[in-house]
Amino acid sequence: MSLLIGGVIVAVLGLISLIFWWVDFMTILKGAFPISLLLGGALAVYVGIDEIQDKIREERHRQDEKLEKAKEEIELVKAQAERYKEELERLRDVKI
C-alpha cells in the first residue's frame, strides 16, 4: 500500500515539475532527438550489414552443397564408366 501511495506522490511531483520546467524539458528533448536518430541509424546500418553477410554465408553454403553433390555424381559416373570400360574389354576378349 505504501508503494502505491509513494508512486502516486512521485507521479504528481513529476507532472508538476514537468509543467514548471517545460522549456528545460524541451531543450533536453531537442538535444536528445538528434543523438537518438544518429544511434538508431547506426544500429540499423549494423543490423543491415549483418543480415547481408548472413545471406552471403547461406548462399555460399548452398553453393558448397551443390558442388559436393556434383562431385559425388561425377565420381559415380566415373565409376560407372570404368565398369563399362572393363565390360567392353571383357567382351572384346571374348570375341577374339
Protein backbone atom coordinates (compact mmCIF):
# COMPACT_ATOMS: atom_id res chain seq x y z
CA MET A 1 0.00 0.00 0.00
CA SER A 2 2.85 2.38 0.83
CA LEU A 3 4.37 1.66 -2.58
CA LEU A 4 1.13 2.73 -4.27
CA ILE A 5 0.93 5.97 -2.28
CA GLY A 6 4.62 6.70 -2.94
CA GLY A 7 4.09 6.08 -6.65
CA VAL A 8 1.13 8.47 -6.80
CA ILE A 9 3.06 11.18 -4.94
CA VAL A 10 6.09 10.82 -7.22
CA ALA A 11 3.88 10.88 -10.35
CA VAL A 12 2.16 14.09 -9.19
CA LEU A 13 5.51 15.72 -8.38
CA GLY A 14 6.80 14.68 -11.81
CA LEU A 15 3.78 16.23 -13.53
CA ILE A 16 4.14 19.47 -11.57
CA SER A 17 7.88 19.59 -12.33
CA LEU A 18 7.19 19.00 -16.00
CA ILE A 19 4.73 21.90 -16.07
CA PHE A 20 7.16 24.32 -14.38
CA TRP A 21 10.25 23.23 -16.29
CA TRP A 22 8.63 22.61 -19.68
CA VAL A 23 11.17 24.80 -21.53
CA ASP A 24 14.10 22.98 -19.96
CA PHE A 25 12.48 19.64 -20.71
CA MET A 26 12.05 20.62 -24.36
CA THR A 27 15.70 21.74 -24.52
CA ILE A 28 16.82 18.34 -23.27
CA LEU A 29 14.42 16.63 -25.66
CA LYS A 30 15.69 18.70 -28.60
CA GLY A 31 19.26 17.73 -27.74
CA ALA A 32 18.45 14.06 -27.27
CA PHE A 33 16.44 13.69 -30.50
CA PRO A 34 19.35 14.01 -32.99
CA ILE A 35 21.52 11.73 -30.87
CA SER A 36 18.74 9.15 -30.77
CA LEU A 37 18.35 9.35 -34.55
CA LEU A 38 22.10 9.01 -35.04
CA LEU A 39 22.39 5.98 -32.76
CA GLY A 40 19.25 4.38 -34.21
CA GLY A 41 20.55 4.86 -37.74
CA ALA A 42 23.93 3.38 -36.84
CA LEU A 43 22.20 0.37 -35.29
CA ALA A 44 20.05 -0.10 -38.40
CA VAL A 45 23.14 0.03 -40.64
CA TYR A 46 24.92 -2.53 -38.45
CA VAL A 47 21.93 -4.88 -38.49
CA GLY A 48 21.56 -4.45 -42.27
CA ILE A 49 25.21 -5.29 -42.90
CA ASP A 50 24.96 -8.32 -40.60
CA GLU A 51 21.87 -9.52 -42.47
CA ILE A 52 23.63 -9.18 -45.84
CA GLN A 53 26.60 -11.16 -44.50
CA ASP A 54 24.23 -13.89 -43.29
CA LYS A 55 22.62 -14.11 -46.73
CA ILE A 56 26.03 -14.35 -48.37
CA ARG A 57 27.06 -17.13 -45.96
CA GLU A 58 23.82 -19.04 -46.64
CA GLU A 59 24.27 -18.70 -50.40
CA ARG A 60 27.89 -19.85 -50.16
CA HIS A 61 26.81 -22.82 -48.05
CA ARG A 62 24.14 -23.76 -50.61
CA GLN A 63 26.68 -23.49 -53.43
CA ASP A 64 29.13 -25.68 -51.49
CA GLU A 65 26.39 -28.29 -51.02
CA LYS A 66 25.60 -28.22 -54.74
CA LEU A 67 29.30 -28.56 -55.52
CA GLU A 68 29.60 -31.57 -53.22
CA LYS A 69 26.57 -33.21 -54.87
CA ALA A 70 28.05 -32.55 -58.30
CA LYS A 71 31.38 -34.07 -57.23
CA GLU A 72 29.60 -37.16 -55.90
CA GLU A 73 27.68 -37.50 -59.16
CA ILE A 74 30.90 -37.16 -61.15
CA GLU A 75 32.53 -39.87 -59.06
CA LEU A 76 29.54 -42.16 -59.63
CA VAL A 77 29.62 -41.53 -63.37
CA LYS A 78 33.38 -42.15 -63.46
CA ALA A 79 32.93 -45.43 -61.60
CA GLN A 80 30.14 -46.45 -63.95
CA ALA A 81 32.23 -45.50 -66.98
CA GLU A 82 35.10 -47.57 -65.59
CA ARG A 83 32.77 -50.58 -65.19
CA TYR A 84 31.52 -50.16 -68.77
CA LYS A 85 35.11 -49.92 -69.96
CA GLU A 86 36.02 -53.15 -68.15
CA GLU A 87 32.94 -54.87 -69.53
CA LEU A 88 33.80 -53.69 -73.03
CA GLU A 89 37.33 -55.06 -72.65
CA ARG A 90 35.95 -58.40 -71.48
CA LEU A 91 33.58 -58.54 -74.44
CA ARG A 92 36.44 -57.78 -76.83
CA ASP A 93 38.49 -60.56 -75.28
CA VAL A 94 35.58 -63.00 -75.59
CA LYS A 95 35.09 -62.21 -79.33
CA ILE A 96 38.71 -62.84 -80.12
